[in-house]
Amino acid sequence: MKELRGVYPILCTPFLDDGSVDLVSQARLVHHLLDAGAHGLGIFGNASEGYTLLHDERRAILKVVVEEVKGRVPLVVSSGHTGTDAAVELSREAEDLGADALMVLPPYYLKTAGEGLLYYFDAISRAVSIPIMVQDAPLMTQVVMPASLLARMGREIANVRYAKVEAPPTAPKVSGVVKAGGPVVFGGLNGQFLIEELERGARGTMPGSDMTALYVEIWNRMESGDRAGAWRLFTHILPLIRFELQPGLGVGAMKHNLAAAGVIRSARVRHPTVTLDECSLKELRFLREWVCAAPVDAARV
C-alpha cells in the first residue's frame, strides 16, 4: 500500500431518531466524502462515537463502508481497547473485514507506560499485516507518549508506521517526532493547527466529516505553494473549527451540519455524547451560514 497522505475525515456514525444505526445514511456519507475529495477515510474514532457502538454494529458498519469505498481510498479503522487481548482481536477482525490500516489508542483505563506501551502495540503488530497508526491523544487518554517513545515504536515495532499527534501543542510535537526519526505523522484535533503541522512535516490530517471539501482545498493550496490562500481559507472556517472543539459538542455539531446539508437523515447522537441545546444550535446555524457565505476568495471550493 502506498504511504497514507492527505485529508482523512473521521466518519460520523449516523443514527435514526430511535437511536438505531442508519446504514443508508452511512453509505451516503461515504459517497459525500469521496465526492468532496477525501484522500482516505477514518472510522470508529472519537468523531464516530465508536465508544457507543456494540460489537455487531461495528461489524455491520465496517462491512457497509468497505463495500461503498470499493478500494478507491485507504480505510483507517480504530481498534484500540482498554485491554491488550481485546485490542488484538479487534485489530485482527478489522483487517479481515477490509481495513487498510489501523488507528490504535493506548490502554486508557489501567494505564501503562514505556515498556508496557511497547508490549501493547507490538502484540497488535504481531497479529496483523497492515500499518498501525499510534493515536497520541493525551487529552482523552491521559497517557503521555513522548516523541522519543513514538520514534522508538516506529523503529522497533514492524507495523507501526504512523502516529496521529493530538498532544497540544501539536506543532512542536510534530517537529519532535520528525526530528527523532519517528513514524509518519498525521494531525488531528479537527485540524486546529493543520497548516503549522504540515509545515513541520506532517503528511496528513484527520478532522471531522462535515467540512471535508474545505480541508481538501486547504491541503491543495498548501501542496501548490499557495500558503497565503491556505491561510485565508483556514481563517475563514476557524470559527466553526473552534466551536466544534468544545469538549462534548463537536460530534453533535458535525451531525447537525451534515443533516442540514442533506447527507444524513438525523443528527441523533448516543449518550454520553452531548445533544446540543437550542442556544448552541442557534450559534451553530450562524457559524454554518458564515462558512457558506465565503467572502472574497476564501472558500472558493
C-alpha atoms as a PDB file:
ATOM      1  CA  MET A   1       0.000   0.000   0.000  1.00  0.00           C
ATOM      2  CA  LYS A   2       1.184   3.497  -0.788  1.00  0.00           C
ATOM      3  CA  GLU A   3       2.001   5.810   2.089  1.00  0.00           C
ATOM      4  CA  LEU A   4      -1.077   7.346   3.710  1.00  0.00           C
ATOM      5  CA  ARG A   5      -1.188  11.035   2.899  1.00  0.00           C
ATOM      6  CA  GLY A   6      -3.730  13.848   2.786  1.00  0.00           C
ATOM      7  CA  VAL A   7      -7.119  14.578   4.355  1.00  0.00           C
ATOM      8  CA  TYR A   8      -8.712  11.563   6.071  1.00  0.00           C
ATOM      9  CA  PRO A   9     -12.027  12.624   7.634  1.00  0.00           C
ATOM     10  CA  ILE A  10     -13.347  10.538  10.516  1.00  0.00           C
ATOM     11  CA  LEU A  11     -16.767   9.202   9.531  1.00  0.00           C
ATOM     12  CA  CYS A  12     -19.643  10.171  11.781  1.00  0.00           C
ATOM     13  CA  THR A  13     -21.898   7.226  12.651  1.00  0.00           C
ATOM     14  CA  PRO A  14     -25.448   8.221  11.668  1.00  0.00           C
ATOM     15  CA  PHE A  15     -28.318   7.062  13.864  1.00  0.00           C
ATOM     16  CA  LEU A  16     -32.039   7.154  13.226  1.00  0.00           C
ATOM     17  CA  ASP A  17     -34.197   9.138  15.636  1.00  0.00           C
ATOM     18  CA  ASP A  18     -34.814   5.945  17.637  1.00  0.00           C
ATOM     19  CA  GLY A  19     -31.064   5.540  18.193  1.00  0.00           C
ATOM     20  CA  SER A  20     -30.506   2.616  15.847  1.00  0.00           C
ATOM     21  CA  VAL A  21     -27.672   2.676  13.316  1.00  0.00           C
ATOM     22  CA  ASP A  22     -28.637   4.243   9.958  1.00  0.00           C
ATOM     23  CA  LEU A  23     -26.684   2.253   7.388  1.00  0.00           C
ATOM     24  CA  VAL A  24     -28.357   4.075   4.483  1.00  0.00           C
ATOM     25  CA  SER A  25     -27.037   7.423   5.717  1.00  0.00           C
ATOM     26  CA  GLN A  26     -23.673   5.805   6.442  1.00  0.00           C
ATOM     27  CA  ALA A  27     -23.339   4.790   2.804  1.00  0.00           C
ATOM     28  CA  ARG A  28     -24.469   8.235   1.649  1.00  0.00           C
ATOM     29  CA  LEU A  29     -21.851   9.879   3.896  1.00  0.00           C
ATOM     30  CA  VAL A  30     -19.097   7.741   2.371  1.00  0.00           C
ATOM     31  CA  HIS A  31     -20.015   8.899  -1.133  1.00  0.00           C
ATOM     32  CA  HIS A  32     -20.317  12.518   0.036  1.00  0.00           C
ATOM     33  CA  LEU A  33     -16.781  12.460   1.429  1.00  0.00           C
ATOM     34  CA  LEU A  34     -15.322  10.775  -1.631  1.00  0.00           C
ATOM     35  CA  ASP A  35     -17.028  13.366  -3.843  1.00  0.00           C
ATOM     36  CA  ALA A  36     -15.511  16.075  -1.603  1.00  0.00           C
ATOM     37  CA  GLY A  37     -12.027  14.794  -2.456  1.00  0.00           C
ATOM     38  CA  ALA A  38     -11.099  12.905   0.713  1.00  0.00           C
ATOM     39  CA  HIS A  39      -7.792  11.092   0.240  1.00  0.00           C
ATOM     40  CA  GLY A  40      -8.838   8.384   2.706  1.00  0.00           C
ATOM     41  CA  LEU A  41     -11.375   7.718   5.469  1.00  0.00           C
ATOM     42  CA  GLY A  42     -11.180   7.008   9.178  1.00  0.00           C
ATOM     43  CA  ILE A  43     -13.810   5.061  11.095  1.00  0.00           C
ATOM     44  CA  PHE A  44     -14.664   4.334  14.752  1.00  0.00           C
ATOM     45  CA  GLY A  45     -12.639   7.254  16.075  1.00  0.00           C
ATOM     46  CA  ASN A  46     -13.919   9.732  18.637  1.00  0.00           C
ATOM     47  CA  ALA A  47     -15.933  11.599  15.987  1.00  0.00           C
ATOM     48  CA  SER A  48     -17.559   8.269  15.020  1.00  0.00           C
ATOM     49  CA  GLU A  49     -18.924   7.743  18.555  1.00  0.00           C
ATOM     50  CA  GLY A  50     -17.105   4.434  18.379  1.00  0.00           C
ATOM     51  CA  TYR A  51     -17.244   4.298  22.176  1.00  0.00           C
ATOM     52  CA  THR A  52     -21.062   3.856  21.983  1.00  0.00           C
ATOM     53  CA  LEU A  53     -21.175   1.077  19.390  1.00  0.00           C
ATOM     54  CA  LEU A  54     -21.923  -2.572  20.050  1.00  0.00           C
ATOM     55  CA  HIS A  55     -19.616  -5.174  18.514  1.00  0.00           C
ATOM     56  CA  ASP A  56     -22.177  -6.363  15.964  1.00  0.00           C
ATOM     57  CA  GLU A  57     -22.852  -2.749  14.979  1.00  0.00           C
ATOM     58  CA  ARG A  58     -19.169  -2.161  14.341  1.00  0.00           C
ATOM     59  CA  ARG A  59     -19.043  -5.180  12.066  1.00  0.00           C
ATOM     60  CA  ALA A  60     -22.161  -4.152  10.138  1.00  0.00           C
ATOM     61  CA  ILE A  61     -20.939  -0.563   9.689  1.00  0.00           C
ATOM     62  CA  LEU A  62     -17.463  -1.607   8.589  1.00  0.00           C
ATOM     63  CA  LYS A  63     -18.878  -4.031   6.025  1.00  0.00           C
ATOM     64  CA  VAL A  64     -21.042  -1.262   4.531  1.00  0.00           C
ATOM     65  CA  VAL A  65     -18.167   1.235   4.429  1.00  0.00           C
ATOM     66  CA  VAL A  66     -15.790  -1.257   2.801  1.00  0.00           C
ATOM     67  CA  GLU A  67     -18.430  -2.121   0.212  1.00  0.00           C
ATOM     68  CA  GLU A  68     -19.103   1.536  -0.622  1.00  0.00           C
ATOM     69  CA  VAL A  69     -15.429   2.562  -0.760  1.00  0.00           C
ATOM     70  CA  LYS A  70     -14.545  -0.360  -3.075  1.00  0.00           C
ATOM     71  CA  GLY A  71     -10.833   0.208  -2.549  1.00  0.00           C
ATOM     72  CA  ARG A  72     -10.849   3.717  -4.027  1.00  0.00           C
ATOM     73  CA  VAL A  73      -9.156   5.236  -0.969  1.00  0.00           C
ATOM     74  CA  PRO A  74      -7.474   3.741   2.122  1.00  0.00           C
ATOM     75  CA  LEU A  75      -9.678   2.998   5.125  1.00  0.00           C
ATOM     76  CA  VAL A  76      -8.162   3.501   8.592  1.00  0.00           C
ATOM     77  CA  VAL A  77     -10.076   1.678  11.331  1.00  0.00           C
ATOM     78  CA  SER A  78      -9.755   2.486  15.040  1.00  0.00           C
ATOM     79  CA  SER A  79      -9.151  -0.693  17.014  1.00  0.00           C
ATOM     80  CA  GLY A  80      -7.710   0.311  20.374  1.00  0.00           C
ATOM     81  CA  HIS A  81      -9.107  -1.093  23.606  1.00  0.00           C
ATOM     82  CA  THR A  82      -8.565  -0.954  27.346  1.00  0.00           C
ATOM     83  CA  GLY A  83      -7.111  -4.482  27.248  1.00  0.00           C
ATOM     84  CA  THR A  84      -4.307  -5.826  25.062  1.00  0.00           C
ATOM     85  CA  ASP A  85      -6.018  -9.096  24.105  1.00  0.00           C
ATOM     86  CA  ALA A  86      -9.224  -7.253  23.162  1.00  0.00           C
ATOM     87  CA  ALA A  87      -7.266  -4.740  21.068  1.00  0.00           C
ATOM     88  CA  VAL A  88      -5.514  -7.606  19.276  1.00  0.00           C
ATOM     89  CA  GLU A  89      -8.852  -9.260  18.475  1.00  0.00           C
ATOM     90  CA  LEU A  90     -10.455  -6.018  17.262  1.00  0.00           C
ATOM     91  CA  SER A  91      -7.413  -5.292  15.103  1.00  0.00           C
ATOM     92  CA  ARG A  92      -7.339  -8.746  13.556  1.00  0.00           C
ATOM     93  CA  GLU A  93     -11.064  -8.567  12.830  1.00  0.00           C
ATOM     94  CA  ALA A  94     -10.759  -5.100  11.253  1.00  0.00           C
ATOM     95  CA  GLU A  95      -8.068  -6.373   8.892  1.00  0.00           C
ATOM     96  CA  ASP A  96     -10.173  -9.414   7.993  1.00  0.00           C
ATOM     97  CA  LEU A  97     -13.138  -7.150   7.174  1.00  0.00           C
ATOM     98  CA  GLY A  98     -11.128  -4.906   4.847  1.00  0.00           C
ATOM     99  CA  ALA A  99      -9.250  -2.261   6.844  1.00  0.00           C
ATOM    100  CA  ASP A 100      -6.165  -0.893   5.059  1.00  0.00           C
ATOM    101  CA  ALA A 101      -4.617   0.445   8.282  1.00  0.00           C
ATOM    102  CA  LEU A 102      -5.406   0.651  11.987  1.00  0.00           C
ATOM    103  CA  MET A 103      -5.541   3.642  14.323  1.00  0.00           C
ATOM    104  CA  VAL A 104      -4.883   2.497  17.866  1.00  0.00           C
ATOM    105  CA  LEU A 105      -5.300   4.295  21.180  1.00  0.00           C
ATOM    106  CA  PRO A 106      -3.124   3.134  24.087  1.00  0.00           C
ATOM    107  CA  PRO A 107      -4.829   1.466  27.069  1.00  0.00           C
ATOM    108  CA  TYR A 108      -6.530   4.288  28.986  1.00  0.00           C
ATOM    109  CA  TYR A 109      -8.290   2.634  31.952  1.00  0.00           C
ATOM    110  CA  LEU A 110      -5.409   0.871  33.663  1.00  0.00           C
ATOM    111  CA  LYS A 111      -2.662   2.989  32.169  1.00  0.00           C
ATOM    112  CA  THR A 112       0.763   1.765  31.230  1.00  0.00           C
ATOM    113  CA  ALA A 113       3.908   3.500  30.014  1.00  0.00           C
ATOM    114  CA  GLY A 114       7.274   2.792  28.410  1.00  0.00           C
ATOM    115  CA  GLU A 115       7.772  -0.958  28.070  1.00  0.00           C
ATOM    116  CA  GLY A 116       4.076  -1.608  28.697  1.00  0.00           C
ATOM    117  CA  LEU A 117       3.102   0.520  25.712  1.00  0.00           C
ATOM    118  CA  LEU A 118       5.726  -1.171  23.567  1.00  0.00           C
ATOM    119  CA  TYR A 119       4.316  -4.568  24.573  1.00  0.00           C
ATOM    120  CA  TYR A 120       0.731  -3.489  23.750  1.00  0.00           C
ATOM    121  CA  PHE A 121       1.497  -2.123  20.284  1.00  0.00           C
ATOM    122  CA  ASP A 122       3.885  -4.969  19.484  1.00  0.00           C
ATOM    123  CA  ALA A 123       1.185  -7.525  20.357  1.00  0.00           C
ATOM    124  CA  ILE A 124      -1.173  -5.848  17.893  1.00  0.00           C
ATOM    125  CA  SER A 125       1.552  -5.602  15.257  1.00  0.00           C
ATOM    126  CA  ARG A 126       2.285  -9.327  15.508  1.00  0.00           C
ATOM    127  CA  ALA A 127      -1.389 -10.136  14.929  1.00  0.00           C
ATOM    128  CA  VAL A 128      -1.849  -8.120  11.719  1.00  0.00           C
ATOM    129  CA  SER A 129      -0.076  -7.374   8.461  1.00  0.00           C
ATOM    130  CA  ILE A 130      -1.345  -3.826   7.845  1.00  0.00           C
ATOM    131  CA  PRO A 131       0.098  -0.486   9.049  1.00  0.00           C
ATOM    132  CA  ILE A 132      -0.658   0.791  12.543  1.00  0.00           C
ATOM    133  CA  MET A 133      -1.160   4.460  13.417  1.00  0.00           C
ATOM    134  CA  VAL A 134      -0.466   5.182  17.095  1.00  0.00           C
ATOM    135  CA  GLN A 135      -3.047   7.685  18.341  1.00  0.00           C
ATOM    136  CA  ASP A 136      -1.290  10.106  20.674  1.00  0.00           C
ATOM    137  CA  ALA A 137      -4.302  11.744  22.355  1.00  0.00           C
ATOM    138  CA  PRO A 138      -3.460  12.525  26.000  1.00  0.00           C
ATOM    139  CA  LEU A 139      -6.389  14.954  26.400  1.00  0.00           C
ATOM    140  CA  MET A 140      -8.640  11.903  26.061  1.00  0.00           C
ATOM    141  CA  THR A 141      -6.495   9.093  27.464  1.00  0.00           C
ATOM    142  CA  GLN A 142      -4.221  10.873  29.985  1.00  0.00           C
ATOM    143  CA  VAL A 143      -1.473   8.666  28.549  1.00  0.00           C
ATOM    144  CA  VAL A 144       1.672  10.625  27.663  1.00  0.00           C
ATOM    145  CA  MET A 145       3.825   9.302  24.828  1.00  0.00           C
ATOM    146  CA  PRO A 146       6.961  11.416  24.266  1.00  0.00           C
ATOM    147  CA  ALA A 147       8.300  11.937  20.755  1.00  0.00           C
ATOM    148  CA  SER A 148      11.220   9.661  21.621  1.00  0.00           C
ATOM    149  CA  LEU A 149       8.851   6.830  22.525  1.00  0.00           C
ATOM    150  CA  LEU A 150       6.846   7.243  19.308  1.00  0.00           C
ATOM    151  CA  ALA A 151      10.107   7.162  17.352  1.00  0.00           C
ATOM    152  CA  ARG A 152      11.198   4.008  19.192  1.00  0.00           C
ATOM    153  CA  MET A 153       7.868   2.350  18.358  1.00  0.00           C
ATOM    154  CA  GLY A 154       8.396   3.184  14.708  1.00  0.00           C
ATOM    155  CA  ARG A 155      11.895   1.657  14.784  1.00  0.00           C
ATOM    156  CA  GLU A 156      11.205  -1.460  16.837  1.00  0.00           C
ATOM    157  CA  ILE A 157       7.629  -2.491  16.027  1.00  0.00           C
ATOM    158  CA  ALA A 158       7.237  -3.805  12.498  1.00  0.00           C
ATOM    159  CA  ASN A 159       3.830  -2.404  11.578  1.00  0.00           C
ATOM    160  CA  VAL A 160       3.936   0.904  13.465  1.00  0.00           C
ATOM    161  CA  ARG A 161       4.330   3.288  10.535  1.00  0.00           C
ATOM    162  CA  TYR A 162       2.231   6.300  11.576  1.00  0.00           C
ATOM    163  CA  ALA A 163       1.420   8.478  14.567  1.00  0.00           C
ATOM    164  CA  LYS A 164      -1.596  10.735  14.912  1.00  0.00           C
ATOM    165  CA  VAL A 165      -0.365  13.585  17.107  1.00  0.00           C
ATOM    166  CA  GLU A 166      -3.122  15.161  19.208  1.00  0.00           C
ATOM    167  CA  ALA A 167      -0.950  16.215  22.119  1.00  0.00           C
ATOM    168  CA  PRO A 168      -1.009  20.044  22.433  1.00  0.00           C
ATOM    169  CA  PRO A 169       0.971  21.986  21.452  1.00  0.00           C
ATOM    170  CA  THR A 170       0.776  19.755  18.398  1.00  0.00           C
ATOM    171  CA  ALA A 171       3.127  21.601  16.040  1.00  0.00           C
ATOM    172  CA  PRO A 172       6.219  21.270  18.289  1.00  0.00           C
ATOM    173  CA  LYS A 173       5.282  17.618  18.925  1.00  0.00           C
ATOM    174  CA  VAL A 174       5.178  17.018  15.165  1.00  0.00           C
ATOM    175  CA  SER A 175       8.646  18.543  14.878  1.00  0.00           C
ATOM    176  CA  GLY A 176       9.869  16.358  17.734  1.00  0.00           C
ATOM    177  CA  VAL A 177       8.609  13.134  16.161  1.00  0.00           C
ATOM    178  CA  VAL A 178      10.022  14.044  12.736  1.00  0.00           C
ATOM    179  CA  LYS A 179      13.418  15.019  14.154  1.00  0.00           C
ATOM    180  CA  ALA A 180      13.565  11.827  16.219  1.00  0.00           C
ATOM    181  CA  GLY A 181      13.147   9.778  13.053  1.00  0.00           C
ATOM    182  CA  GLY A 182       9.720   8.608  14.114  1.00  0.00           C
ATOM    183  CA  PRO A 183       6.809   7.276  12.104  1.00  0.00           C
ATOM    184  CA  VAL A 184       4.930   9.365   9.527  1.00  0.00           C
ATOM    185  CA  VAL A 185       2.840  11.973  11.340  1.00  0.00           C
ATOM    186  CA  PHE A 186      -0.815  12.888  10.911  1.00  0.00           C
ATOM    187  CA  GLY A 187      -2.559  15.703  12.758  1.00  0.00           C
ATOM    188  CA  GLY A 188      -5.918  15.621  14.489  1.00  0.00           C
ATOM    189  CA  LEU A 189      -7.937  17.825  16.851  1.00  0.00           C
ATOM    190  CA  ASN A 190     -10.234  18.723  13.930  1.00  0.00           C
ATOM    191  CA  GLY A 191      -7.400  20.343  12.001  1.00  0.00           C
ATOM    192  CA  GLN A 192      -6.975  23.161  14.526  1.00  0.00           C
ATOM    193  CA  PHE A 193      -3.274  23.534  13.704  1.00  0.00           C
ATOM    194  CA  LEU A 194      -3.346  21.950  10.262  1.00  0.00           C
ATOM    195  CA  ILE A 195      -1.099  24.447   8.467  1.00  0.00           C
ATOM    196  CA  GLU A 196       1.582  24.573  11.164  1.00  0.00           C
ATOM    197  CA  GLU A 197       1.619  20.782  11.336  1.00  0.00           C
ATOM    198  CA  LEU A 198       2.055  20.441   7.577  1.00  0.00           C
ATOM    199  CA  GLU A 199       4.879  22.966   7.592  1.00  0.00           C
ATOM    200  CA  ARG A 200       6.646  20.960  10.324  1.00  0.00           C
ATOM    201  CA  GLY A 201       6.495  17.690   8.429  1.00  0.00           C
ATOM    202  CA  ALA A 202       3.040  16.167   8.978  1.00  0.00           C
ATOM    203  CA  ARG A 203       1.790  14.228   5.969  1.00  0.00           C
ATOM    204  CA  GLY A 204      -1.926  14.404   6.645  1.00  0.00           C
ATOM    205  CA  THR A 205      -4.777  15.308   8.945  1.00  0.00           C
ATOM    206  CA  MET A 206      -7.854  13.535  10.311  1.00  0.00           C
ATOM    207  CA  PRO A 207     -10.645  16.048  11.044  1.00  0.00           C
ATOM    208  CA  GLY A 208     -14.385  15.506  11.388  1.00  0.00           C
ATOM    209  CA  SER A 209     -16.510  14.797   8.338  1.00  0.00           C
ATOM    210  CA  ASP A 210     -18.599  17.955   7.910  1.00  0.00           C
ATOM    211  CA  MET A 211     -16.033  20.296   6.264  1.00  0.00           C
ATOM    212  CA  THR A 212     -14.077  17.867   4.125  1.00  0.00           C
ATOM    213  CA  ALA A 213     -14.164  19.865   0.874  1.00  0.00           C
ATOM    214  CA  LEU A 214     -12.748  22.878   2.733  1.00  0.00           C
ATOM    215  CA  TYR A 215      -9.934  20.900   4.353  1.00  0.00           C
ATOM    216  CA  VAL A 216      -9.103  19.350   0.991  1.00  0.00           C
ATOM    217  CA  GLU A 217      -8.933  22.813  -0.577  1.00  0.00           C
ATOM    218  CA  ILE A 218      -6.562  23.986   2.180  1.00  0.00           C
ATOM    219  CA  TRP A 219      -4.450  20.883   1.510  1.00  0.00           C
ATOM    220  CA  ASN A 220      -4.437  21.587  -2.228  1.00  0.00           C
ATOM    221  CA  ARG A 221      -3.376  25.199  -1.704  1.00  0.00           C
ATOM    222  CA  MET A 222      -0.524  24.124   0.565  1.00  0.00           C
ATOM    223  CA  GLU A 223       0.549  21.496  -1.957  1.00  0.00           C
ATOM    224  CA  SER A 224       0.617  24.100  -4.739  1.00  0.00           C
ATOM    225  CA  GLY A 225       2.628  26.565  -2.626  1.00  0.00           C
ATOM    226  CA  ASP A 226      -0.295  28.965  -2.060  1.00  0.00           C
ATOM    227  CA  ARG A 227       0.358  29.426   1.651  1.00  0.00           C
ATOM    228  CA  ALA A 228      -1.458  32.776   1.804  1.00  0.00           C
ATOM    229  CA  GLY A 229      -4.529  31.306   0.129  1.00  0.00           C
ATOM    230  CA  ALA A 230      -4.488  28.369   2.526  1.00  0.00           C
ATOM    231  CA  TRP A 231      -4.374  30.737   5.490  1.00  0.00           C
ATOM    232  CA  ARG A 232      -7.225  32.863   4.106  1.00  0.00           C
ATOM    233  CA  LEU A 233      -9.470  29.830   3.791  1.00  0.00           C
ATOM    234  CA  PHE A 234      -8.406  28.376   7.138  1.00  0.00           C
ATOM    235  CA  THR A 235      -9.049  31.687   8.895  1.00  0.00           C
ATOM    236  CA  HIS A 236     -12.486  31.850   7.332  1.00  0.00           C
ATOM    237  CA  ILE A 237     -13.576  28.442   8.670  1.00  0.00           C
ATOM    238  CA  LEU A 238     -11.732  28.756  12.011  1.00  0.00           C
ATOM    239  CA  PRO A 239     -14.815  29.939  13.967  1.00  0.00           C
ATOM    240  CA  LEU A 240     -16.595  26.681  13.127  1.00  0.00           C
ATOM    241  CA  ILE A 241     -13.488  24.585  13.856  1.00  0.00           C
ATOM    242  CA  ARG A 242     -13.266  26.364  17.209  1.00  0.00           C
ATOM    243  CA  PHE A 243     -16.936  25.708  18.005  1.00  0.00           C
ATOM    244  CA  GLU A 244     -16.561  22.018  17.234  1.00  0.00           C
ATOM    245  CA  LEU A 245     -13.541  21.686  19.513  1.00  0.00           C
ATOM    246  CA  GLN A 246     -15.615  22.443  22.601  1.00  0.00           C
ATOM    247  CA  PRO A 247     -15.490  19.242  24.687  1.00  0.00           C
ATOM    248  CA  GLY A 248     -18.617  17.202  24.089  1.00  0.00           C
ATOM    249  CA  LEU A 249     -20.199  19.449  21.455  1.00  0.00           C
ATOM    250  CA  GLY A 250     -18.182  18.605  18.355  1.00  0.00           C
ATOM    251  CA  VAL A 251     -19.826  15.368  17.248  1.00  0.00           C
ATOM    252  CA  GLY A 252     -23.338  16.759  17.654  1.00  0.00           C
ATOM    253  CA  ALA A 253     -22.387  19.904  15.729  1.00  0.00           C
ATOM    254  CA  MET A 254     -20.881  17.899  12.876  1.00  0.00           C
ATOM    255  CA  LYS A 255     -24.013  15.774  12.642  1.00  0.00           C
ATOM    256  CA  HIS A 256     -26.279  18.825  12.558  1.00  0.00           C
ATOM    257  CA  ASN A 257     -24.173  20.265   9.728  1.00  0.00           C
ATOM    258  CA  LEU A 258     -24.342  17.007   7.768  1.00  0.00           C
ATOM    259  CA  ALA A 259     -28.103  16.725   8.345  1.00  0.00           C
ATOM    260  CA  ALA A 260     -28.612  20.341   7.230  1.00  0.00           C
ATOM    261  CA  ALA A 261     -26.727  19.510   4.030  1.00  0.00           C
ATOM    262  CA  GLY A 262     -28.997  16.516   3.425  1.00  0.00           C
ATOM    263  CA  VAL A 263     -26.203  13.967   3.776  1.00  0.00           C
ATOM    264  CA  ILE A 264     -27.567  12.105   6.810  1.00  0.00           C
ATOM    265  CA  ARG A 265     -31.179  11.792   7.917  1.00  0.00           C
ATOM    266  CA  SER A 266     -30.834  12.649  11.591  1.00  0.00           C
ATOM    267  CA  ALA A 267     -28.437  14.476  13.888  1.00  0.00           C
ATOM    268  CA  ARG A 268     -29.163  11.971  16.679  1.00  0.00           C
ATOM    269  CA  VAL A 269     -26.255  11.145  18.997  1.00  0.00           C
ATOM    270  CA  ARG A 270     -25.932   8.420  21.614  1.00  0.00           C
ATOM    271  CA  HIS A 271     -25.427   9.099  25.304  1.00  0.00           C
ATOM    272  CA  PRO A 272     -22.982  10.097  26.716  1.00  0.00           C
ATOM    273  CA  THR A 273     -22.353  12.180  23.569  1.00  0.00           C
ATOM    274  CA  VAL A 274     -23.837  15.624  24.176  1.00  0.00           C
ATOM    275  CA  THR A 275     -27.076  16.713  22.485  1.00  0.00           C
ATOM    276  CA  LEU A 276     -26.887  20.402  21.546  1.00  0.00           C
ATOM    277  CA  ASP A 277     -29.325  22.732  23.300  1.00  0.00           C
ATOM    278  CA  GLU A 278     -31.297  25.429  21.470  1.00  0.00           C
ATOM    279  CA  CYS A 279     -28.764  28.160  22.212  1.00  0.00           C
ATOM    280  CA  SER A 280     -25.916  26.044  20.868  1.00  0.00           C
ATOM    281  CA  LEU A 281     -27.951  25.192  17.757  1.00  0.00           C
ATOM    282  CA  LYS A 282     -28.557  28.896  17.123  1.00  0.00           C
ATOM    283  CA  GLU A 283     -24.828  29.603  17.429  1.00  0.00           C
ATOM    284  CA  LEU A 284     -24.063  26.681  15.124  1.00  0.00           C
ATOM    285  CA  ARG A 285     -26.527  27.852  12.459  1.00  0.00           C
ATOM    286  CA  PHE A 286     -24.867  31.273  12.416  1.00  0.00           C
ATOM    287  CA  LEU A 287     -21.411  29.757  12.011  1.00  0.00           C
ATOM    288  CA  ARG A 288     -22.621  27.420   9.272  1.00  0.00           C
ATOM    289  CA  GLU A 289     -24.046  30.388   7.378  1.00  0.00           C
ATOM    290  CA  TRP A 290     -20.795  32.280   7.960  1.00  0.00           C
ATOM    291  CA  VAL A 291     -18.732  29.493   6.416  1.00  0.00           C
ATOM    292  CA  CYS A 292     -21.127  29.178   3.471  1.00  0.00           C
ATOM    293  CA  ALA A 293     -21.047  32.953   2.859  1.00  0.00           C
ATOM    294  CA  ALA A 294     -17.464  32.619   1.532  1.00  0.00           C
ATOM    295  CA  PRO A 295     -16.245  36.260   1.384  1.00  0.00           C
ATOM    296  CA  VAL A 296     -13.607  37.284  -1.193  1.00  0.00           C
ATOM    297  CA  ASP A 297     -11.809  34.152  -2.414  1.00  0.00           C
ATOM    298  CA  ALA A 298     -11.659  32.468   0.985  1.00  0.00           C
ATOM    299  CA  ALA A 299     -13.885  29.477   0.275  1.00  0.00           C
ATOM    300  CA  ARG A 300     -13.565  29.088  -3.461  1.00  0.00           C
ATOM    301  CA  VAL A 301     -14.296  25.347  -3.449  1.00  0.00           C
END
